[in-house]
Amino acid sequence: EGILTENGKIDYTKLKPVLFEMPT
């Protein structure tokens, strides 16, 4: 619940997901 907006959507400014970048 701590990473959701009031509307129940994922808030990416709270979650800050990690991406994996292939070439590097």
mmCIF file of all heavy atoms, coordinates in Angstrom:
data_MODEL
# 
_entry.id   MODEL 
# 
loop_
_atom_site.group_PDB 
_atom_site.id 
_atom_site.type_symbol 
_atom_site.label_atom_id 
_atom_site.label_alt_id 
_atom_site.label_comp_id 
_atom_site.label_asym_id 
_atom_site.label_entity_id 
_atom_site.label_seq_id 
_atom_site.pdbx_PDB_ins_code 
_atom_site.Cartn_x 
_atom_site.Cartn_y 
_atom_site.Cartn_z 
_atom_site.occupancy 
_atom_site.B_iso_or_equiv 
_atom_site.pdbx_formal_charge 
_atom_site.auth_seq_id 
_atom_site.auth_comp_id 
_atom_site.auth_asym_id 
_atom_site.auth_atom_id 
_atom_site.pdbx_PDB_model_num 
ATOM 1   N N   . GLU A 1 1  ? 0.813  -1.218 0.000   1.00 0.00 ? 1  GLU A N   1 
ATOM 2   C CA  . GLU A 1 1  ? 0.000  0.000  0.000   1.00 0.00 ? 1  GLU A CA  1 
ATOM 3   C C   . GLU A 1 1  ? 0.842  1.261  0.000   1.00 0.00 ? 1  GLU A C   1 
ATOM 4   O O   . GLU A 1 1  ? 0.443  2.286  -0.561  1.00 0.00 ? 1  GLU A O   1 
ATOM 5   C CB  . GLU A 1 1  ? -0.954 0.004  1.194   1.00 0.00 ? 1  GLU A CB  1 
ATOM 6   C CG  . GLU A 1 1  ? -2.078 -0.995 1.053   1.00 0.00 ? 1  GLU A CG  1 
ATOM 7   C CD  . GLU A 1 1  ? -3.096 -0.889 2.169   1.00 0.00 ? 1  GLU A CD  1 
ATOM 8   O OE1 . GLU A 1 1  ? -3.236 0.203  2.760   1.00 0.00 ? 1  GLU A OE1 1 
ATOM 9   O OE2 . GLU A 1 1  ? -3.744 -1.910 2.446   1.00 0.00 ? 1  GLU A OE2 1 
ATOM 10  N N   . GLY A 1 2  ? 2.044  1.217  0.581   1.00 0.00 ? 2  GLY A N   1 
ATOM 11  C CA  . GLY A 1 2  ? 2.900  2.390  0.679   1.00 0.00 ? 2  GLY A CA  1 
ATOM 12  C C   . GLY A 1 2  ? 3.436  2.911  -0.638  1.00 0.00 ? 2  GLY A C   1 
ATOM 13  O O   . GLY A 1 2  ? 3.926  4.032  -0.706  1.00 0.00 ? 2  GLY A O   1 
ATOM 14  N N   . ILE A 1 3  ? 3.344  2.124  -1.704  1.00 0.00 ? 3  ILE A N   1 
ATOM 15  C CA  . ILE A 1 3  ? 3.819  2.587  -3.012  1.00 0.00 ? 3  ILE A CA  1 
ATOM 16  C C   . ILE A 1 3  ? 2.675  2.919  -3.960  1.00 0.00 ? 3  ILE A C   1 
ATOM 17  O O   . ILE A 1 3  ? 2.897  3.190  -5.138  1.00 0.00 ? 3  ILE A O   1 
ATOM 18  C CB  . ILE A 1 3  ? 4.757  1.556  -3.687  1.00 0.00 ? 3  ILE A CB  1 
ATOM 19  C CG1 . ILE A 1 3  ? 4.023  0.255  -4.003  1.00 0.00 ? 3  ILE A CG1 1 
ATOM 20  C CG2 . ILE A 1 3  ? 5.987  1.320  -2.852  1.00 0.00 ? 3  ILE A CG2 1 
ATOM 21  C CD1 . ILE A 1 3  ? 4.726  -0.619 -5.014  1.00 0.00 ? 3  ILE A CD1 1 
ATOM 22  N N   . LEU A 1 4  ? 1.450  2.929  -3.428  1.00 0.00 ? 4  LEU A N   1 
ATOM 23  C CA  . LEU A 1 4  ? 0.289  3.211  -4.271  1.00 0.00 ? 4  LEU A CA  1 
ATOM 24  C C   . LEU A 1 4  ? -0.193 4.642  -4.102  1.00 0.00 ? 4  LEU A C   1 
ATOM 25  O O   . LEU A 1 4  ? -0.032 5.244  -3.045  1.00 0.00 ? 4  LEU A O   1 
ATOM 26  C CB  . LEU A 1 4  ? -0.852 2.249  -3.920  1.00 0.00 ? 4  LEU A CB  1 
ATOM 27  C CG  . LEU A 1 4  ? -0.573 0.764  -4.105  1.00 0.00 ? 4  LEU A CG  1 
ATOM 28  C CD1 . LEU A 1 4  ? -1.770 -0.051 -3.646  1.00 0.00 ? 4  LEU A CD1 1 
ATOM 29  C CD2 . LEU A 1 4  ? -0.196 0.436  -5.537  1.00 0.00 ? 4  LEU A CD2 1 
ATOM 30  N N   . THR A 1 5  ? -0.809 5.163  -5.165  1.00 0.00 ? 5  THR A N   1 
ATOM 31  C CA  . THR A 1 5  ? -1.451 6.476  -5.102  1.00 0.00 ? 5  THR A CA  1 
ATOM 32  C C   . THR A 1 5  ? -2.800 6.331  -4.407  1.00 0.00 ? 5  THR A C   1 
ATOM 33  O O   . THR A 1 5  ? -3.234 5.227  -4.091  1.00 0.00 ? 5  THR A O   1 
ATOM 34  C CB  . THR A 1 5  ? -1.678 7.051  -6.517  1.00 0.00 ? 5  THR A CB  1 
ATOM 35  O OG1 . THR A 1 5  ? -2.621 6.198  -7.205  1.00 0.00 ? 5  THR A OG1 1 
ATOM 36  C CG2 . THR A 1 5  ? -0.384 7.142  -7.301  1.00 0.00 ? 5  THR A CG2 1 
ATOM 37  N N   . GLU A 1 6  ? -3.497 7.443  -4.222  1.00 0.00 ? 6  GLU A N   1 
ATOM 38  C CA  . GLU A 1 6  ? -4.837 7.404  -3.624  1.00 0.00 ? 6  GLU A CA  1 
ATOM 39  C C   . GLU A 1 6  ? -5.802 6.589  -4.476  1.00 0.00 ? 6  GLU A C   1 
ATOM 40  O O   . GLU A 1 6  ? -6.773 6.036  -3.978  1.00 0.00 ? 6  GLU A O   1 
ATOM 41  C CB  . GLU A 1 6  ? -5.374 8.831  -3.454  1.00 0.00 ? 6  GLU A CB  1 
ATOM 42  C CG  . GLU A 1 6  ? -4.619 9.650  -2.438  1.00 0.00 ? 6  GLU A CG  1 
ATOM 43  C CD  . GLU A 1 6  ? -5.132 11.072 -2.366  1.00 0.00 ? 6  GLU A CD  1 
ATOM 44  O OE1 . GLU A 1 6  ? -6.109 11.415 -3.062  1.00 0.00 ? 6  GLU A OE1 1 
ATOM 45  O OE2 . GLU A 1 6  ? -4.545 11.853 -1.599  1.00 0.00 ? 6  GLU A OE2 1 
ATOM 46  N N   . ASN A 1 7  ? -5.523 6.514  -5.800  1.00 0.00 ? 7  ASN A N   1 
ATOM 47  C CA  . ASN A 1 7  ? -6.383 5.775  -6.720  1.00 0.00 ? 7  ASN A CA  1 
ATOM 48  C C   . ASN A 1 7  ? -5.984 4.311  -6.863  1.00 0.00 ? 7  ASN A C   1 
ATOM 49  O O   . ASN A 1 7  ? -6.530 3.600  -7.692  1.00 0.00 ? 7  ASN A O   1 
ATOM 50  C CB  . ASN A 1 7  ? -6.364 6.431  -8.106  1.00 0.00 ? 7  ASN A CB  1 
ATOM 51  C CG  . ASN A 1 7  ? -6.883 7.850  -8.071  1.00 0.00 ? 7  ASN A CG  1 
ATOM 52  O OD1 . ASN A 1 7  ? -7.718 8.192  -7.244  1.00 0.00 ? 7  ASN A OD1 1 
ATOM 53  N ND2 . ASN A 1 7  ? -6.397 8.678  -8.961  1.00 0.00 ? 7  ASN A ND2 1 
ATOM 54  N N   . GLY A 1 8  ? -4.976 3.867  -6.081  1.00 0.00 ? 8  GLY A N   1 
ATOM 55  C CA  . GLY A 1 8  ? -4.562 2.472  -6.138  1.00 0.00 ? 8  GLY A CA  1 
ATOM 56  C C   . GLY A 1 8  ? -3.605 2.132  -7.260  1.00 0.00 ? 8  GLY A C   1 
ATOM 57  O O   . GLY A 1 8  ? -3.378 0.963  -7.549  1.00 0.00 ? 8  GLY A O   1 
ATOM 58  N N   . LYS A 1 9  ? -3.039 3.148  -7.890  1.00 0.00 ? 9  LYS A N   1 
ATOM 59  C CA  . LYS A 1 9  ? -2.051 2.937  -8.961  1.00 0.00 ? 9  LYS A CA  1 
ATOM 60  C C   . LYS A 1 9  ? -0.641 3.001  -8.371  1.00 0.00 ? 9  LYS A C   1 
ATOM 61  O O   . LYS A 1 9  ? -0.417 3.623  -7.339  1.00 0.00 ? 9  LYS A O   1 
ATOM 62  C CB  . LYS A 1 9  ? -2.192 4.012  -10.051 1.00 0.00 ? 9  LYS A CB  1 
ATOM 63  C CG  . LYS A 1 9  ? -3.562 4.078  -10.686 1.00 0.00 ? 9  LYS A CG  1 
ATOM 64  C CD  . LYS A 1 9  ? -3.847 2.858  -11.502 1.00 0.00 ? 9  LYS A CD  1 
ATOM 65  C CE  . LYS A 1 9  ? -5.206 2.990  -12.189 1.00 0.00 ? 9  LYS A CE  1 
ATOM 66  N NZ  . LYS A 1 9  ? -5.576 1.821  -12.925 1.00 0.00 ? 9  LYS A NZ  1 
ATOM 67  N N   . ILE A 1 10 ? 0.309  2.378  -9.049  1.00 0.00 ? 10 ILE A N   1 
ATOM 68  C CA  . ILE A 1 10 ? 1.698  2.402  -8.578  1.00 0.00 ? 10 ILE A CA  1 
ATOM 69  C C   . ILE A 1 10 ? 2.265  3.807  -8.728  1.00 0.00 ? 10 ILE A C   1 
ATOM 70  O O   . ILE A 1 10 ? 2.168  4.413  -9.792  1.00 0.00 ? 10 ILE A O   1 
ATOM 71  C CB  . ILE A 1 10 ? 2.551  1.390  -9.361  1.00 0.00 ? 10 ILE A CB  1 
ATOM 72  C CG1 . ILE A 1 10 ? 2.031  -0.025 -9.113  1.00 0.00 ? 10 ILE A CG1 1 
ATOM 73  C CG2 . ILE A 1 10 ? 4.018  1.494  -8.956  1.00 0.00 ? 10 ILE A CG2 1 
ATOM 74  C CD1 . ILE A 1 10 ? 2.609  -1.063 -10.039 1.00 0.00 ? 10 ILE A CD1 1 
ATOM 75  N N   . ASP A 1 11 ? 2.849  4.328  -7.660  1.00 0.00 ? 11 ASP A N   1 
ATOM 76  C CA  . ASP A 1 11 ? 3.496  5.636  -7.668  1.00 0.00 ? 11 ASP A CA  1 
ATOM 77  C C   . ASP A 1 11 ? 4.999  5.403  -7.862  1.00 0.00 ? 11 ASP A C   1 
ATOM 78  O O   . ASP A 1 11 ? 5.696  5.023  -6.934  1.00 0.00 ? 11 ASP A O   1 
ATOM 79  C CB  . ASP A 1 11 ? 3.234  6.363  -6.347  1.00 0.00 ? 11 ASP A CB  1 
ATOM 80  C CG  . ASP A 1 11 ? 3.797  7.772  -6.322  1.00 0.00 ? 11 ASP A CG  1 
ATOM 81  O OD1 . ASP A 1 11 ? 4.711  8.078  -7.130  1.00 0.00 ? 11 ASP A OD1 1 
ATOM 82  O OD2 . ASP A 1 11 ? 3.344  8.560  -5.479  1.00 0.00 ? 11 ASP A OD2 1 
ATOM 83  N N   . TYR A 1 12 ? 5.476  5.614  -9.076  1.00 0.00 ? 12 TYR A N   1 
ATOM 84  C CA  . TYR A 1 12 ? 6.878  5.320  -9.405  1.00 0.00 ? 12 TYR A CA  1 
ATOM 85  C C   . TYR A 1 12 ? 7.861  6.283  -8.759  1.00 0.00 ? 12 TYR A C   1 
ATOM 86  O O   . TYR A 1 12 ? 9.044  5.990  -8.675  1.00 0.00 ? 12 TYR A O   1 
ATOM 87  C CB  . TYR A 1 12 ? 7.063  5.258  -10.921 1.00 0.00 ? 12 TYR A CB  1 
ATOM 88  C CG  . TYR A 1 12 ? 6.375  4.046  -11.510 1.00 0.00 ? 12 TYR A CG  1 
ATOM 89  C CD1 . TYR A 1 12 ? 5.139  4.157  -12.131 1.00 0.00 ? 12 TYR A CD1 1 
ATOM 90  C CD2 . TYR A 1 12 ? 6.951  2.790  -11.395 1.00 0.00 ? 12 TYR A CD2 1 
ATOM 91  C CE1 . TYR A 1 12 ? 4.504  3.037  -12.643 1.00 0.00 ? 12 TYR A CE1 1 
ATOM 92  C CE2 . TYR A 1 12 ? 6.320  1.669  -11.897 1.00 0.00 ? 12 TYR A CE2 1 
ATOM 93  C CZ  . TYR A 1 12 ? 5.099  1.797  -12.524 1.00 0.00 ? 12 TYR A CZ  1 
ATOM 94  O OH  . TYR A 1 12 ? 4.460  0.690  -13.016 1.00 0.00 ? 12 TYR A OH  1 
ATOM 95  N N   . THR A 1 13 ? 7.388  7.431  -8.265  1.00 0.00 ? 13 THR A N   1 
ATOM 96  C CA  . THR A 1 13 ? 8.291  8.316  -7.531  1.00 0.00 ? 13 THR A CA  1 
ATOM 97  C C   . THR A 1 13 ? 8.552  7.767  -6.128  1.00 0.00 ? 13 THR A C   1 
ATOM 98  O O   . THR A 1 13 ? 9.557  8.092  -5.518  1.00 0.00 ? 13 THR A O   1 
ATOM 99  C CB  . THR A 1 13 ? 7.729  9.751  -7.424  1.00 0.00 ? 13 THR A CB  1 
ATOM 100 O OG1 . THR A 1 13 ? 6.490  9.725  -6.724  1.00 0.00 ? 13 THR A OG1 1 
ATOM 101 C CG2 . THR A 1 13 ? 7.536  10.361 -8.809  1.00 0.00 ? 13 THR A CG2 1 
ATOM 102 N N   . LYS A 1 14 ? 7.660  6.923  -5.620  1.00 0.00 ? 14 LYS A N   1 
ATOM 103 C CA  . LYS A 1 14 ? 7.879  6.248  -4.336  1.00 0.00 ? 14 LYS A CA  1 
ATOM 104 C C   . LYS A 1 14 ? 8.615  4.923  -4.537  1.00 0.00 ? 14 LYS A C   1 
ATOM 105 O O   . LYS A 1 14 ? 9.499  4.583  -3.774  1.00 0.00 ? 14 LYS A O   1 
ATOM 106 C CB  . LYS A 1 14 ? 6.547  5.981  -3.637  1.00 0.00 ? 14 LYS A CB  1 
ATOM 107 C CG  . LYS A 1 14 ? 5.830  7.208  -3.158  1.00 0.00 ? 14 LYS A CG  1 
ATOM 108 C CD  . LYS A 1 14 ? 4.513  6.834  -2.509  1.00 0.00 ? 14 LYS A CD  1 
ATOM 109 C CE  . LYS A 1 14 ? 3.736  8.066  -2.093  1.00 0.00 ? 14 LYS A CE  1 
ATOM 110 N NZ  . LYS A 1 14 ? 2.411  7.693  -1.576  1.00 0.00 ? 14 LYS A NZ  1 
ATOM 111 N N   . LEU A 1 15 ? 8.233  4.169  -5.551  1.00 0.00 ? 15 LEU A N   1 
ATOM 112 C CA  . LEU A 1 15 ? 8.812  2.848  -5.802  1.00 0.00 ? 15 LEU A CA  1 
ATOM 113 C C   . LEU A 1 15 ? 10.240 2.942  -6.328  1.00 0.00 ? 15 LEU A C   1 
ATOM 114 O O   . LEU A 1 15 ? 11.116 2.218  -5.892  1.00 0.00 ? 15 LEU A O   1 
ATOM 115 C CB  . LEU A 1 15 ? 7.951  2.064  -6.786  1.00 0.00 ? 15 LEU A CB  1 
ATOM 116 C CG  . LEU A 1 15 ? 8.476  0.692  -7.194  1.00 0.00 ? 15 LEU A CG  1 
ATOM 117 C CD1 . LEU A 1 15 ? 8.527  -0.239 -5.994  1.00 0.00 ? 15 LEU A CD1 1 
ATOM 118 C CD2 . LEU A 1 15 ? 7.654  0.103  -8.308  1.00 0.00 ? 15 LEU A CD2 1 
ATOM 119 N N   . LYS A 1 16 ? 10.484 3.848  -7.286  1.00 0.00 ? 16 LYS A N   1 
ATOM 120 C CA  . LYS A 1 16 ? 11.786 4.021  -7.937  1.00 0.00 ? 16 LYS A CA  1 
ATOM 121 C C   . LYS A 1 16 ? 12.347 2.678  -8.410  1.00 0.00 ? 16 LYS A C   1 
ATOM 122 O O   . LYS A 1 16 ? 13.341 2.175  -7.905  1.00 0.00 ? 16 LYS A O   1 
ATOM 123 C CB  . LYS A 1 16 ? 12.785 4.724  -7.023  1.00 0.00 ? 16 LYS A CB  1 
ATOM 124 C CG  . LYS A 1 16 ? 12.363 6.126  -6.634  1.00 0.00 ? 16 LYS A CG  1 
ATOM 125 C CD  . LYS A 1 16 ? 13.440 6.824  -5.846  1.00 0.00 ? 16 LYS A CD  1 
ATOM 126 C CE  . LYS A 1 16 ? 12.987 8.143  -5.310  1.00 0.00 ? 16 LYS A CE  1 
ATOM 127 N NZ  . LYS A 1 16 ? 12.753 9.180  -6.231  1.00 0.00 ? 16 LYS A NZ  1 
ATOM 128 N N   . PRO A 1 17 ? 11.674 2.074  -9.412  1.00 0.00 ? 17 PRO A N   1 
ATOM 129 C CA  . PRO A 1 17 ? 12.108 0.759  -9.880  1.00 0.00 ? 17 PRO A CA  1 
ATOM 130 C C   . PRO A 1 17 ? 13.519 0.779  -10.456 1.00 0.00 ? 17 PRO A C   1 
ATOM 131 O O   . PRO A 1 17 ? 14.017 1.816  -10.885 1.00 0.00 ? 17 PRO A O   1 
ATOM 132 C CB  . PRO A 1 17 ? 11.090 0.402  -10.960 1.00 0.00 ? 17 PRO A CB  1 
ATOM 133 C CG  . PRO A 1 17 ? 10.483 1.694  -11.368 1.00 0.00 ? 17 PRO A CG  1 
ATOM 134 C CD  . PRO A 1 17 ? 10.568 2.603  -10.184 1.00 0.00 ? 17 PRO A CD  1 
ATOM 135 N N   . VAL A 1 18 ? 14.146 -0.377 -10.444 1.00 0.00 ? 18 VAL A N   1 
ATOM 136 C CA  . VAL A 1 18 ? 15.501 -0.537 -10.967 1.00 0.00 ? 18 VAL A CA  1 
ATOM 137 C C   . VAL A 1 18 ? 15.412 -1.212 -12.334 1.00 0.00 ? 18 VAL A C   1 
ATOM 138 O O   . VAL A 1 18 ? 14.669 -2.178 -12.505 1.00 0.00 ? 18 VAL A O   1 
ATOM 139 C CB  . VAL A 1 18 ? 16.361 -1.382 -10.005 1.00 0.00 ? 18 VAL A CB  1 
ATOM 140 C CG1 . VAL A 1 18 ? 17.725 -1.684 -10.597 1.00 0.00 ? 18 VAL A CG1 1 
ATOM 141 C CG2 . VAL A 1 18 ? 16.490 -0.676 -8.664  1.00 0.00 ? 18 VAL A CG2 1 
ATOM 142 N N   . LEU A 1 19 ? 16.151 -0.679 -13.296 1.00 0.00 ? 19 LEU A N   1 
ATOM 143 C CA  . LEU A 1 19 ? 16.206 -1.257 -14.637 1.00 0.00 ? 19 LEU A CA  1 
ATOM 144 C C   . LEU A 1 19 ? 17.582 -1.871 -14.866 1.00 0.00 ? 19 LEU A C   1 
ATOM 145 O O   . LEU A 1 19 ? 18.577 -1.404 -14.324 1.00 0.00 ? 19 LEU A O   1 
ATOM 146 C CB  . LEU A 1 19 ? 15.972 -0.171 -15.696 1.00 0.00 ? 19 LEU A CB  1 
ATOM 147 C CG  . LEU A 1 19 ? 14.671 0.613  -15.591 1.00 0.00 ? 19 LEU A CG  1 
ATOM 148 C CD1 . LEU A 1 19 ? 14.644 1.709  -16.650 1.00 0.00 ? 19 LEU A CD1 1 
ATOM 149 C CD2 . LEU A 1 19 ? 13.482 -0.300 -15.747 1.00 0.00 ? 19 LEU A CD2 1 
ATOM 150 N N   . PHE A 1 20 ? 17.625 -2.898 -15.681 1.00 0.00 ? 20 PHE A N   1 
ATOM 151 C CA  . PHE A 1 20 ? 18.892 -3.508 -16.058 1.00 0.00 ? 20 PHE A CA  1 
ATOM 152 C C   . PHE A 1 20 ? 19.164 -3.140 -17.501 1.00 0.00 ? 20 PHE A C   1 
ATOM 153 O O   . PHE A 1 20 ? 18.355 -3.388 -18.382 1.00 0.00 ? 20 PHE A O   1 
ATOM 154 C CB  . PHE A 1 20 ? 18.837 -5.029 -15.892 1.00 0.00 ? 20 PHE A CB  1 
ATOM 155 C CG  . PHE A 1 20 ? 20.102 -5.718 -16.306 1.00 0.00 ? 20 PHE A CG  1 
ATOM 156 C CD1 . PHE A 1 20 ? 21.260 -5.562 -15.563 1.00 0.00 ? 20 PHE A CD1 1 
ATOM 157 C CD2 . PHE A 1 20 ? 20.140 -6.503 -17.440 1.00 0.00 ? 20 PHE A CD2 1 
ATOM 158 C CE1 . PHE A 1 20 ? 22.442 -6.196 -15.933 1.00 0.00 ? 20 PHE A CE1 1 
ATOM 159 C CE2 . PHE A 1 20 ? 21.309 -7.138 -17.821 1.00 0.00 ? 20 PHE A CE2 1 
ATOM 160 C CZ  . PHE A 1 20 ? 22.456 -6.985 -17.077 1.00 0.00 ? 20 PHE A CZ  1 
ATOM 161 N N   . GLU A 1 21 ? 20.306 -2.528 -17.757 1.00 0.00 ? 21 GLU A N   1 
ATOM 162 C CA  . GLU A 1 21 ? 20.677 -2.067 -19.093 1.00 0.00 ? 21 GLU A CA  1 
ATOM 163 C C   . GLU A 1 21 ? 21.708 -3.030 -19.667 1.00 0.00 ? 21 GLU A C   1 
ATOM 164 O O   . GLU A 1 21 ? 22.784 -3.224 -19.101 1.00 0.00 ? 21 GLU A O   1 
ATOM 165 C CB  . GLU A 1 21 ? 21.220 -0.642 -18.994 1.00 0.00 ? 21 GLU A CB  1 
ATOM 166 C CG  . GLU A 1 21 ? 21.273 0.083  -20.307 1.00 0.00 ? 21 GLU A CG  1 
ATOM 167 C CD  . GLU A 1 21 ? 22.634 0.003  -20.945 1.00 0.00 ? 21 GLU A CD  1 
ATOM 168 O OE1 . GLU A 1 21 ? 23.626 -0.125 -20.226 1.00 0.00 ? 21 GLU A OE1 1 
ATOM 169 O OE2 . GLU A 1 21 ? 22.696 0.056  -22.179 1.00 0.00 ? 21 GLU A OE2 1 
ATOM 170 N N   . MET A 1 22 ? 21.351 -3.682 -20.775 1.00 0.00 ? 22 MET A N   1 
ATOM 171 C CA  . MET A 1 22 ? 22.124 -4.782 -21.311 1.00 0.00 ? 22 MET A CA  1 
ATOM 172 C C   . MET A 1 22 ? 23.531 -4.439 -21.812 1.00 0.00 ? 22 MET A C   1 
ATOM 173 O O   . MET A 1 22 ? 24.468 -5.099 -21.408 1.00 0.00 ? 22 MET A O   1 
ATOM 174 C CB  . MET A 1 22 ? 21.320 -5.407 -22.446 1.00 0.00 ? 22 MET A CB  1 
ATOM 175 C CG  . MET A 1 22 ? 21.177 -6.867 -22.516 1.00 0.00 ? 22 MET A CG  1 
ATOM 176 S SD  . MET A 1 22 ? 21.635 -7.861 -21.125 1.00 0.00 ? 22 MET A SD  1 
ATOM 177 C CE  . MET A 1 22 ? 22.189 -9.251 -22.009 1.00 0.00 ? 22 MET A CE  1 
ATOM 178 N N   . PRO A 1 23 ? 23.715 -3.458 -22.697 1.00 0.00 ? 23 PRO A N   1 
ATOM 179 C CA  . PRO A 1 23 ? 25.069 -3.275 -23.241 1.00 0.00 ? 23 PRO A CA  1 
ATOM 180 C C   . PRO A 1 23 ? 26.151 -3.014 -22.199 1.00 0.00 ? 23 PRO A C   1 
ATOM 181 O O   . PRO A 1 23 ? 27.277 -3.457 -22.345 1.00 0.00 ? 23 PRO A O   1 
ATOM 182 C CB  . PRO A 1 23 ? 24.934 -2.089 -24.189 1.00 0.00 ? 23 PRO A CB  1 
ATOM 183 C CG  . PRO A 1 23 ? 23.500 -2.098 -24.593 1.00 0.00 ? 23 PRO A CG  1 
ATOM 184 C CD  . PRO A 1 23 ? 22.750 -2.589 -23.373 1.00 0.00 ? 23 PRO A CD  1 
ATOM 185 N N   . THR A 1 24 ? 25.801 -2.306 -21.114 1.00 0.00 ? 24 THR A N   1 
ATOM 186 C CA  . THR A 1 24 ? 26.809 -1.993 -20.092 1.00 0.00 ? 24 THR A CA  1 
ATOM 187 C C   . THR A 1 24 ? 26.671 -2.874 -18.858 1.00 0.00 ? 24 THR A C   1 
ATOM 188 O O   . THR A 1 24 ? 27.468 -2.753 -17.930 1.00 0.00 ? 24 THR A O   1 
ATOM 189 C CB  . THR A 1 24 ? 26.706 -0.521 -19.644 1.00 0.00 ? 24 THR A CB  1 
ATOM 190 O OG1 . THR A 1 24 ? 25.436 -0.323 -19.014 1.00 0.00 ? 24 THR A OG1 1 
ATOM 191 C CG2 . THR A 1 24 ? 26.881 0.426  -20.809 1.00 0.00 ? 24 THR A CG2 1 
# 
